[in-house]
Amino acid sequence: MGATGLRALLERVRYEVLPAKATEDKVLAHLPREVTVTVTASPVKGLEPTLDLAGRLAGHGYRVVPHVPARLLRDDAHLKEVVDRLRERGVDDVFVPAGDSDPPAGVYDGALPVLRRLSELGGPFSHVGITGYPESHPLIHDDITVQAMWDKREHATYLVSNLCFDPRVLGEWVARIRGRDVTLPVYMGVAGPVQRAKLLAMATKIGVGESTRFLTKHPSWFLRFATPGGYSPERLLTRVEQTLTAPSAGVAGLHLFTFNQIAETEQWRRALLDRLDG
């Protein structure tokens, strides 16, 4: 991969973490303040662990992006409470997926009504992210997910793609959404250098975070991680170089799924940057 293009992507990263007991200490120990940290939310534990961790990390000087799934919000008043709480901590970026809660906790069954309500509240956040699905969502048809991006685009400022391991699929997806005039910048979702033993332990903690639950719904993805030599983030990035670095793709950076292997992910990123410098 061209050093310049890869370096730019590696310097514009977002680390997705799960709001577990040790997450705050891991972030403080291993991540520089210039790395954006996104915090998932669980339908089992609700929004409180996410909001609490996001507030504490913001207090430490990190740029934090809490996940605010629509299906975890009870009503407009609850949404306003969440907005006020995050703004008090200086958070100006939120990621709004539909979420997996079934049934929903309240009146919102998808992300679009929440996004519209945020616009009606005057756009309290400078940045609002929505989800993209390069590979099929387990419950939603591909055509619907692309249409949903079109519907949400006027209320959002960027897209985050979910996990994908197929360079061809990634290229086709980017071309497809750009062909539909979805012009929002994309943070490309890539799994970090996951250690399979730690992933197995994390995957047993059902309800910890959206990324873990999504992985359990895609057993073929789990096998990619669990098979020795089955997955390498550097190899994937090399194979998608042209897709990620083409100006027409509008890729703003990488969204790294850490599965809370924060130290390992940052060590890999730094080592790869050092090699590029050499």
C-alpha atoms as a PDB file:
ATOM      1  CA  MET A   1       0.000   0.000   0.000  1.00  0.00           C
ATOM      2  CA  GLY A   2       1.186   3.504  -0.713  1.00  0.00           C
ATOM      3  CA  ALA A   3       2.793   4.878   2.431  1.00  0.00           C
ATOM      4  CA  THR A   4       1.194   8.305   2.146  1.00  0.00           C
ATOM      5  CA  GLY A   5      -2.370   7.039   1.805  1.00  0.00           C
ATOM      6  CA  LEU A   6      -2.024   4.432   4.539  1.00  0.00           C
ATOM      7  CA  ARG A   7      -0.362   6.878   6.923  1.00  0.00           C
ATOM      8  CA  ALA A   8      -3.202   9.341   6.451  1.00  0.00           C
ATOM      9  CA  LEU A   9      -5.773   6.657   7.276  1.00  0.00           C
ATOM     10  CA  LEU A  10      -3.855   5.435  10.318  1.00  0.00           C
ATOM     11  CA  GLU A  11      -3.592   8.964  11.664  1.00  0.00           C
ATOM     12  CA  ARG A  12      -7.356   9.533  11.309  1.00  0.00           C
ATOM     13  CA  VAL A  13      -8.628   6.715  13.476  1.00  0.00           C
ATOM     14  CA  ARG A  14     -11.548   6.119  15.780  1.00  0.00           C
ATOM     15  CA  TYR A  15     -11.291   3.327  18.359  1.00  0.00           C
ATOM     16  CA  GLU A  16     -14.536   1.569  19.235  1.00  0.00           C
ATOM     17  CA  VAL A  17     -14.555   0.334  22.834  1.00  0.00           C
ATOM     18  CA  LEU A  18     -17.038  -1.483  25.023  1.00  0.00           C
ATOM     19  CA  PRO A  19     -18.075   0.121  28.356  1.00  0.00           C
ATOM     20  CA  ALA A  20     -16.622  -2.588  30.576  1.00  0.00           C
ATOM     21  CA  LYS A  21     -15.090  -2.240  34.044  1.00  0.00           C
ATOM     22  CA  ALA A  22     -11.477  -1.819  32.890  1.00  0.00           C
ATOM     23  CA  THR A  23     -12.081   0.205  29.731  1.00  0.00           C
ATOM     24  CA  GLU A  24     -11.297   3.617  31.199  1.00  0.00           C
ATOM     25  CA  ASP A  25      -7.955   2.455  32.590  1.00  0.00           C
ATOM     26  CA  LYS A  26      -7.036   0.793  29.292  1.00  0.00           C
ATOM     27  CA  VAL A  27      -7.802   3.931  27.300  1.00  0.00           C
ATOM     28  CA  LEU A  28      -5.818   6.136  29.683  1.00  0.00           C
ATOM     29  CA  ALA A  29      -2.870   3.746  29.657  1.00  0.00           C
ATOM     30  CA  HIS A  30      -2.601   3.200  25.924  1.00  0.00           C
ATOM     31  CA  LEU A  31      -4.340   5.826  23.789  1.00  0.00           C
ATOM     32  CA  PRO A  32      -3.008   9.317  23.050  1.00  0.00           C
ATOM     33  CA  ARG A  33      -5.508  12.143  23.377  1.00  0.00           C
ATOM     34  CA  GLU A  34      -5.603  12.717  19.611  1.00  0.00           C
ATOM     35  CA  VAL A  35      -7.310   9.344  19.081  1.00  0.00           C
ATOM     36  CA  THR A  36     -11.109   9.556  18.980  1.00  0.00           C
ATOM     37  CA  VAL A  37     -12.834   7.005  21.216  1.00  0.00           C
ATOM     38  CA  THR A  38     -16.319   5.714  20.431  1.00  0.00           C
ATOM     39  CA  VAL A  39     -18.272   3.958  23.190  1.00  0.00           C
ATOM     40  CA  THR A  40     -20.835   1.287  22.347  1.00  0.00           C
ATOM     41  CA  ALA A  41     -24.178   0.759  24.078  1.00  0.00           C
ATOM     42  CA  SER A  42     -25.882  -2.452  25.124  1.00  0.00           C
ATOM     43  CA  PRO A  43     -29.617  -3.273  25.108  1.00  0.00           C
ATOM     44  CA  VAL A  44     -29.018  -5.349  28.231  1.00  0.00           C
ATOM     45  CA  LYS A  45     -27.215  -2.689  30.281  1.00  0.00           C
ATOM     46  CA  GLY A  46     -28.887   0.342  28.714  1.00  0.00           C
ATOM     47  CA  LEU A  47     -27.383   3.741  28.029  1.00  0.00           C
ATOM     48  CA  GLU A  48     -26.065   4.538  31.500  1.00  0.00           C
ATOM     49  CA  PRO A  49     -22.684   2.741  31.225  1.00  0.00           C
ATOM     50  CA  THR A  50     -22.114   4.408  27.852  1.00  0.00           C
ATOM     51  CA  LEU A  51     -22.975   7.890  29.060  1.00  0.00           C
ATOM     52  CA  ASP A  52     -20.937   7.461  32.232  1.00  0.00           C
ATOM     53  CA  LEU A  53     -17.800   6.260  30.439  1.00  0.00           C
ATOM     54  CA  ALA A  54     -18.163   8.865  27.686  1.00  0.00           C
ATOM     55  CA  GLY A  55     -18.397  11.634  30.272  1.00  0.00           C
ATOM     56  CA  ARG A  56     -15.360  10.409  32.188  1.00  0.00           C
ATOM     57  CA  LEU A  57     -13.219  10.029  29.058  1.00  0.00           C
ATOM     58  CA  ALA A  58     -14.267  13.486  27.888  1.00  0.00           C
ATOM     59  CA  GLY A  59     -13.152  14.774  31.269  1.00  0.00           C
ATOM     60  CA  HIS A  60      -9.736  13.238  30.606  1.00  0.00           C
ATOM     61  CA  GLY A  61      -9.438  15.244  27.395  1.00  0.00           C
ATOM     62  CA  TYR A  62     -10.439  12.658  24.801  1.00  0.00           C
ATOM     63  CA  ARG A  63     -12.686  13.343  21.848  1.00  0.00           C
ATOM     64  CA  VAL A  64     -15.491  10.913  22.674  1.00  0.00           C
ATOM     65  CA  VAL A  65     -18.350   9.631  20.522  1.00  0.00           C
ATOM     66  CA  PRO A  66     -21.037   7.827  22.525  1.00  0.00           C
ATOM     67  CA  HIS A  67     -23.380   5.456  20.722  1.00  0.00           C
ATOM     68  CA  VAL A  68     -26.990   6.511  21.277  1.00  0.00           C
ATOM     69  CA  PRO A  69     -29.140   3.707  19.826  1.00  0.00           C
ATOM     70  CA  ALA A  70     -32.663   4.836  19.014  1.00  0.00           C
ATOM     71  CA  ARG A  71     -34.232   1.730  20.519  1.00  0.00           C
ATOM     72  CA  LEU A  72     -32.707   2.476  23.928  1.00  0.00           C
ATOM     73  CA  LEU A  73     -34.429   5.869  24.181  1.00  0.00           C
ATOM     74  CA  ARG A  74     -37.774   5.983  25.970  1.00  0.00           C
ATOM     75  CA  ASP A  75     -39.180   9.181  24.484  1.00  0.00           C
ATOM     76  CA  ASP A  76     -38.398  12.787  23.508  1.00  0.00           C
ATOM     77  CA  ALA A  77     -37.830  13.764  27.144  1.00  0.00           C
ATOM     78  CA  HIS A  78     -35.270  10.985  27.583  1.00  0.00           C
ATOM     79  CA  LEU A  79     -33.488  12.055  24.408  1.00  0.00           C
ATOM     80  CA  LYS A  80     -33.356  15.639  25.685  1.00  0.00           C
ATOM     81  CA  GLU A  81     -31.897  14.415  28.997  1.00  0.00           C
ATOM     82  CA  VAL A  82     -29.196  12.500  27.112  1.00  0.00           C
ATOM     83  CA  VAL A  83     -28.413  15.510  24.929  1.00  0.00           C
ATOM     84  CA  ASP A  84     -28.123  17.846  27.922  1.00  0.00           C
ATOM     85  CA  ARG A  85     -25.933  15.427  29.832  1.00  0.00           C
ATOM     86  CA  LEU A  86     -23.520  14.947  26.961  1.00  0.00           C
ATOM     87  CA  ARG A  87     -23.328  18.632  26.127  1.00  0.00           C
ATOM     88  CA  GLU A  88     -22.525  19.418  29.767  1.00  0.00           C
ATOM     89  CA  ARG A  89     -19.461  17.185  29.408  1.00  0.00           C
ATOM     90  CA  GLY A  90     -18.388  18.874  26.192  1.00  0.00           C
ATOM     91  CA  VAL A  91     -19.371  16.030  23.859  1.00  0.00           C
ATOM     92  CA  ASP A  92     -20.115  17.351  20.359  1.00  0.00           C
ATOM     93  CA  ASP A  93     -20.249  14.092  18.382  1.00  0.00           C
ATOM     94  CA  VAL A  94     -22.719  11.197  18.666  1.00  0.00           C
ATOM     95  CA  PHE A  95     -23.275   8.014  16.707  1.00  0.00           C
ATOM     96  CA  VAL A  96     -26.953   7.127  16.241  1.00  0.00           C
ATOM     97  CA  PRO A  97     -27.705   3.552  15.132  1.00  0.00           C
ATOM     98  CA  ALA A  98     -31.116   1.940  15.364  1.00  0.00           C
ATOM     99  CA  GLY A  99     -29.846  -0.534  17.947  1.00  0.00           C
ATOM    100  CA  ASP A 100     -30.816  -4.118  18.655  1.00  0.00           C
ATOM    101  CA  SER A 101     -33.278  -3.757  21.544  1.00  0.00           C
ATOM    102  CA  ASP A 102     -36.325  -5.893  20.779  1.00  0.00           C
ATOM    103  CA  PRO A 103     -38.802  -4.629  21.671  1.00  0.00           C
ATOM    104  CA  PRO A 104     -37.643  -0.994  21.748  1.00  0.00           C
ATOM    105  CA  ALA A 105     -37.425   0.672  25.149  1.00  0.00           C
ATOM    106  CA  GLY A 106     -39.786   3.418  23.987  1.00  0.00           C
ATOM    107  CA  VAL A 107     -41.248   5.269  21.036  1.00  0.00           C
ATOM    108  CA  TYR A 108     -38.319   5.100  18.604  1.00  0.00           C
ATOM    109  CA  ASP A 109     -38.027   2.010  16.411  1.00  0.00           C
ATOM    110  CA  GLY A 110     -35.244   3.346  14.181  1.00  0.00           C
ATOM    111  CA  ALA A 111     -32.557   5.989  13.898  1.00  0.00           C
ATOM    112  CA  LEU A 112     -34.333   8.380  11.530  1.00  0.00           C
ATOM    113  CA  PRO A 113     -36.929   9.713  14.038  1.00  0.00           C
ATOM    114  CA  VAL A 114     -34.137  10.394  16.544  1.00  0.00           C
ATOM    115  CA  LEU A 115     -32.071  12.179  13.909  1.00  0.00           C
ATOM    116  CA  ARG A 116     -35.069  14.313  12.965  1.00  0.00           C
ATOM    117  CA  ARG A 117     -35.684  15.147  16.596  1.00  0.00           C
ATOM    118  CA  LEU A 118     -32.056  16.196  17.053  1.00  0.00           C
ATOM    119  CA  SER A 119     -32.467  18.541  14.080  1.00  0.00           C
ATOM    120  CA  GLU A 120     -35.634  19.948  15.663  1.00  0.00           C
ATOM    121  CA  LEU A 121     -33.634  20.558  18.856  1.00  0.00           C
ATOM    122  CA  GLY A 122     -31.377  22.833  16.852  1.00  0.00           C
ATOM    123  CA  GLY A 123     -28.611  20.385  16.064  1.00  0.00           C
ATOM    124  CA  PRO A 124     -26.983  20.220  19.518  1.00  0.00           C
ATOM    125  CA  PHE A 125     -24.052  18.161  18.206  1.00  0.00           C
ATOM    126  CA  SER A 126     -21.600  19.383  15.574  1.00  0.00           C
ATOM    127  CA  HIS A 127     -21.107  15.841  14.304  1.00  0.00           C
ATOM    128  CA  VAL A 128     -23.658  13.041  13.971  1.00  0.00           C
ATOM    129  CA  GLY A 129     -22.787   9.606  12.618  1.00  0.00           C
ATOM    130  CA  ILE A 130     -24.978   6.920  11.078  1.00  0.00           C
ATOM    131  CA  THR A 131     -24.376   3.299  10.140  1.00  0.00           C
ATOM    132  CA  GLY A 132     -23.472   1.805   6.779  1.00  0.00           C
ATOM    133  CA  TYR A 133     -23.583  -1.916   5.969  1.00  0.00           C
ATOM    134  CA  PRO A 134     -21.107  -3.079   3.296  1.00  0.00           C
ATOM    135  CA  GLU A 135     -22.130  -6.673   4.024  1.00  0.00           C
ATOM    136  CA  SER A 136     -25.767  -7.575   4.491  1.00  0.00           C
ATOM    137  CA  HIS A 137     -27.415  -6.737   7.783  1.00  0.00           C
ATOM    138  CA  PRO A 138     -28.828  -9.894   9.394  1.00  0.00           C
ATOM    139  CA  LEU A 139     -32.318  -8.384   9.628  1.00  0.00           C
ATOM    140  CA  ILE A 140     -32.522  -5.701   6.925  1.00  0.00           C
ATOM    141  CA  HIS A 141     -32.404  -6.007   3.125  1.00  0.00           C
ATOM    142  CA  ASP A 142     -29.473  -4.264   1.396  1.00  0.00           C
ATOM    143  CA  ASP A 143     -31.746  -1.985  -0.631  1.00  0.00           C
ATOM    144  CA  ILE A 144     -33.396  -0.779   2.577  1.00  0.00           C
ATOM    145  CA  THR A 145     -30.065   0.013   4.250  1.00  0.00           C
ATOM    146  CA  VAL A 146     -28.956   2.110   1.265  1.00  0.00           C
ATOM    147  CA  GLN A 147     -32.317   3.882   1.159  1.00  0.00           C
ATOM    148  CA  ALA A 148     -32.024   4.539   4.888  1.00  0.00           C
ATOM    149  CA  MET A 149     -28.686   6.271   4.364  1.00  0.00           C
ATOM    150  CA  TRP A 150     -30.319   8.494   1.763  1.00  0.00           C
ATOM    151  CA  ASP A 151     -33.176   9.333   4.131  1.00  0.00           C
ATOM    152  CA  LYS A 152     -30.800  10.137   7.008  1.00  0.00           C
ATOM    153  CA  ARG A 153     -28.162  12.062   5.081  1.00  0.00           C
ATOM    154  CA  GLU A 154     -29.587  15.549   5.732  1.00  0.00           C
ATOM    155  CA  HIS A 155     -29.488  14.954   9.506  1.00  0.00           C
ATOM    156  CA  ALA A 156     -26.009  13.356   9.678  1.00  0.00           C
ATOM    157  CA  THR A 157     -22.444  14.464   9.007  1.00  0.00           C
ATOM    158  CA  TYR A 158     -20.692  11.128   8.433  1.00  0.00           C
ATOM    159  CA  LEU A 159     -21.097   7.379   7.941  1.00  0.00           C
ATOM    160  CA  VAL A 160     -19.418   4.536   9.822  1.00  0.00           C
ATOM    161  CA  SER A 161     -19.263   1.264   7.932  1.00  0.00           C
ATOM    162  CA  ASN A 162     -19.766  -1.942   9.811  1.00  0.00           C
ATOM    163  CA  LEU A 163     -17.244  -4.750   9.706  1.00  0.00           C
ATOM    164  CA  CYS A 164     -16.366  -6.140   6.297  1.00  0.00           C
ATOM    165  CA  PHE A 165     -13.538  -8.488   5.306  1.00  0.00           C
ATOM    166  CA  ASP A 166     -14.060  -8.604   1.546  1.00  0.00           C
ATOM    167  CA  PRO A 167     -12.220  -5.924  -0.496  1.00  0.00           C
ATOM    168  CA  ARG A 168     -14.510  -6.473  -3.469  1.00  0.00           C
ATOM    169  CA  VAL A 169     -17.647  -5.992  -1.380  1.00  0.00           C
ATOM    170  CA  LEU A 170     -16.199  -2.822   0.140  1.00  0.00           C
ATOM    171  CA  GLY A 171     -15.455  -1.387  -3.288  1.00  0.00           C
ATOM    172  CA  GLU A 172     -18.911  -2.214  -4.608  1.00  0.00           C
ATOM    173  CA  TRP A 173     -20.600  -0.738  -1.540  1.00  0.00           C
ATOM    174  CA  VAL A 174     -18.725   2.548  -1.757  1.00  0.00           C
ATOM    175  CA  ALA A 175     -19.548   2.816  -5.461  1.00  0.00           C
ATOM    176  CA  ARG A 176     -23.187   2.007  -4.750  1.00  0.00           C
ATOM    177  CA  ILE A 177     -23.747   4.625  -2.077  1.00  0.00           C
ATOM    178  CA  ARG A 178     -21.894   7.274  -4.084  1.00  0.00           C
ATOM    179  CA  GLY A 179     -24.026   6.326  -7.071  1.00  0.00           C
ATOM    180  CA  ARG A 180     -27.076   7.110  -4.934  1.00  0.00           C
ATOM    181  CA  ASP A 181     -25.632  10.562  -4.141  1.00  0.00           C
ATOM    182  CA  VAL A 182     -24.926   9.677  -0.527  1.00  0.00           C
ATOM    183  CA  THR A 183     -21.937  12.000  -0.210  1.00  0.00           C
ATOM    184  CA  LEU A 184     -21.282  11.858   3.536  1.00  0.00           C
ATOM    185  CA  PRO A 185     -17.657  11.101   4.464  1.00  0.00           C
ATOM    186  CA  VAL A 186     -17.101   7.488   5.514  1.00  0.00           C
ATOM    187  CA  TYR A 187     -15.110   6.035   8.378  1.00  0.00           C
ATOM    188  CA  MET A 188     -14.288   2.542   7.184  1.00  0.00           C
ATOM    189  CA  GLY A 189     -14.907  -0.122   9.811  1.00  0.00           C
ATOM    190  CA  VAL A 190     -11.913  -2.437  10.252  1.00  0.00           C
ATOM    191  CA  ALA A 191     -11.245  -4.950  13.012  1.00  0.00           C
ATOM    192  CA  GLY A 192      -7.986  -4.492  14.854  1.00  0.00           C
ATOM    193  CA  PRO A 193      -5.401  -7.270  15.337  1.00  0.00           C
ATOM    194  CA  VAL A 194      -7.739  -9.363  17.464  1.00  0.00           C
ATOM    195  CA  GLN A 195      -6.225 -12.145  19.561  1.00  0.00           C
ATOM    196  CA  ARG A 196      -8.550 -15.086  19.217  1.00  0.00           C
ATOM    197  CA  ALA A 197      -8.350 -16.228  22.861  1.00  0.00           C
ATOM    198  CA  LYS A 198      -9.376 -12.769  24.072  1.00  0.00           C
ATOM    199  CA  LEU A 199     -12.074 -12.551  21.420  1.00  0.00           C
ATOM    200  CA  LEU A 200     -13.522 -15.864  22.554  1.00  0.00           C
ATOM    201  CA  ALA A 201     -13.662 -14.561  26.115  1.00  0.00           C
ATOM    202  CA  MET A 202     -15.280 -11.290  25.020  1.00  0.00           C
ATOM    203  CA  ALA A 203     -17.804 -13.009  22.759  1.00  0.00           C
ATOM    204  CA  THR A 204     -19.172 -15.002  25.693  1.00  0.00           C
ATOM    205  CA  LYS A 205     -20.197 -11.779  27.450  1.00  0.00           C
ATOM    206  CA  ILE A 206     -23.482 -11.417  25.636  1.00  0.00           C
ATOM    207  CA  GLY A 207     -24.875  -7.915  25.866  1.00  0.00           C
ATOM    208  CA  VAL A 208     -21.558  -6.146  26.462  1.00  0.00           C
ATOM    209  CA  GLY A 209     -21.634  -4.162  23.246  1.00  0.00           C
ATOM    210  CA  GLU A 210     -23.093  -3.898  19.795  1.00  0.00           C
ATOM    211  CA  SER A 211     -19.917  -4.984  18.038  1.00  0.00           C
ATOM    212  CA  THR A 212     -19.783  -8.230  20.044  1.00  0.00           C
ATOM    213  CA  ARG A 213     -23.442  -9.015  19.390  1.00  0.00           C
ATOM    214  CA  PHE A 214     -23.074  -8.244  15.708  1.00  0.00           C
ATOM    215  CA  LEU A 215     -20.137 -10.616  15.532  1.00  0.00           C
ATOM    216  CA  THR A 216     -22.145 -13.432  17.118  1.00  0.00           C
ATOM    217  CA  LYS A 217     -24.743 -12.989  14.356  1.00  0.00           C
ATOM    218  CA  HIS A 218     -22.060 -13.566  11.719  1.00  0.00           C
ATOM    219  CA  PRO A 219     -20.370 -16.881  12.527  1.00  0.00           C
ATOM    220  CA  SER A 220     -18.303 -16.726   9.319  1.00  0.00           C
ATOM    221  CA  TRP A 221     -16.723 -13.528  10.636  1.00  0.00           C
ATOM    222  CA  PHE A 222     -15.957 -15.194  13.945  1.00  0.00           C
ATOM    223  CA  LEU A 223     -14.186 -17.997  12.112  1.00  0.00           C
ATOM    224  CA  ARG A 224     -12.002 -15.448  10.333  1.00  0.00           C
ATOM    225  CA  PHE A 225     -10.745 -14.276  13.700  1.00  0.00           C
ATOM    226  CA  ALA A 226     -10.547 -17.703  15.340  1.00  0.00           C
ATOM    227  CA  THR A 227      -8.577 -19.428  12.567  1.00  0.00           C
ATOM    228  CA  PRO A 228      -4.788 -18.961  12.852  1.00  0.00           C
ATOM    229  CA  GLY A 229      -3.683 -16.723  10.001  1.00  0.00           C
ATOM    230  CA  GLY A 230      -7.305 -16.087   9.095  1.00  0.00           C
ATOM    231  CA  TYR A 231      -7.303 -12.327   9.563  1.00  0.00           C
ATOM    232  CA  SER A 232      -4.740  -9.555   9.337  1.00  0.00           C
ATOM    233  CA  PRO A 233      -5.812  -5.895   9.378  1.00  0.00           C
ATOM    234  CA  GLU A 234      -2.698  -4.901   7.464  1.00  0.00           C
ATOM    235  CA  ARG A 235      -3.414  -7.448   4.741  1.00  0.00           C
ATOM    236  CA  LEU A 236      -6.987  -6.222   4.418  1.00  0.00           C
ATOM    237  CA  LEU A 237      -5.884  -2.581   4.209  1.00  0.00           C
ATOM    238  CA  THR A 238      -3.352  -3.468   1.536  1.00  0.00           C
ATOM    239  CA  ARG A 239      -6.026  -5.150  -0.565  1.00  0.00           C
ATOM    240  CA  VAL A 240      -8.446  -2.218  -0.304  1.00  0.00           C
ATOM    241  CA  GLU A 241      -5.879   0.525  -0.895  1.00  0.00           C
ATOM    242  CA  GLN A 242      -7.408   1.829  -4.114  1.00  0.00           C
ATOM    243  CA  THR A 243     -10.912   1.791  -2.647  1.00  0.00           C
ATOM    244  CA  LEU A 244      -9.963   3.649   0.507  1.00  0.00           C
ATOM    245  CA  THR A 245      -7.646   6.242  -0.994  1.00  0.00           C
ATOM    246  CA  ALA A 246      -9.546   7.182  -4.169  1.00  0.00           C
ATOM    247  CA  PRO A 247     -10.791  10.782  -3.828  1.00  0.00           C
ATOM    248  CA  SER A 248     -14.219   9.733  -5.100  1.00  0.00           C
ATOM    249  CA  ALA A 249     -14.587   7.274  -2.198  1.00  0.00           C
ATOM    250  CA  GLY A 250     -14.661  10.050   0.390  1.00  0.00           C
ATOM    251  CA  VAL A 251     -13.062   7.931   3.121  1.00  0.00           C
ATOM    252  CA  ALA A 252     -12.311  10.176   6.101  1.00  0.00           C
ATOM    253  CA  GLY A 253     -10.406   7.600   8.150  1.00  0.00           C
ATOM    254  CA  LEU A 254     -10.582   4.234   9.873  1.00  0.00           C
ATOM    255  CA  HIS A 255     -13.036   3.073  12.527  1.00  0.00           C
ATOM    256  CA  LEU A 256     -11.157   0.347  14.410  1.00  0.00           C
ATOM    257  CA  PHE A 257     -13.209  -2.272  16.221  1.00  0.00           C
ATOM    258  CA  THR A 258     -10.991  -3.125  19.194  1.00  0.00           C
ATOM    259  CA  PHE A 259     -13.244  -5.591  21.068  1.00  0.00           C
ATOM    260  CA  ASN A 260     -11.494  -3.934  24.036  1.00  0.00           C
ATOM    261  CA  GLN A 261      -8.083  -5.149  22.920  1.00  0.00           C
ATOM    262  CA  ILE A 262      -7.026  -1.537  23.130  1.00  0.00           C
ATOM    263  CA  ALA A 263      -3.319  -1.944  23.898  1.00  0.00           C
ATOM    264  CA  GLU A 264      -2.864  -4.511  21.133  1.00  0.00           C
ATOM    265  CA  THR A 265      -4.653  -2.336  18.577  1.00  0.00           C
ATOM    266  CA  GLU A 266      -2.623   0.758  19.406  1.00  0.00           C
ATOM    267  CA  GLN A 267       0.655  -1.203  19.406  1.00  0.00           C
ATOM    268  CA  TRP A 268      -0.184  -2.522  15.944  1.00  0.00           C
ATOM    269  CA  ARG A 269      -1.047   0.954  14.654  1.00  0.00           C
ATOM    270  CA  ARG A 270       2.141   2.490  16.030  1.00  0.00           C
ATOM    271  CA  ALA A 271       4.321  -0.329  14.695  1.00  0.00           C
ATOM    272  CA  LEU A 272       2.805   0.033  11.238  1.00  0.00           C
ATOM    273  CA  LEU A 273       3.334   3.815  11.308  1.00  0.00           C
ATOM    274  CA  ASP A 274       6.959   3.256  12.327  1.00  0.00           C
ATOM    275  CA  ARG A 275       7.472   0.864   9.412  1.00  0.00           C
ATOM    276  CA  LEU A 276       5.992   3.388   7.025  1.00  0.00           C
ATOM    277  CA  ASP A 277       8.382   6.028   8.336  1.00  0.00           C
ATOM    278  CA  GLY A 278      11.290   3.695   7.780  1.00  0.00           C
END
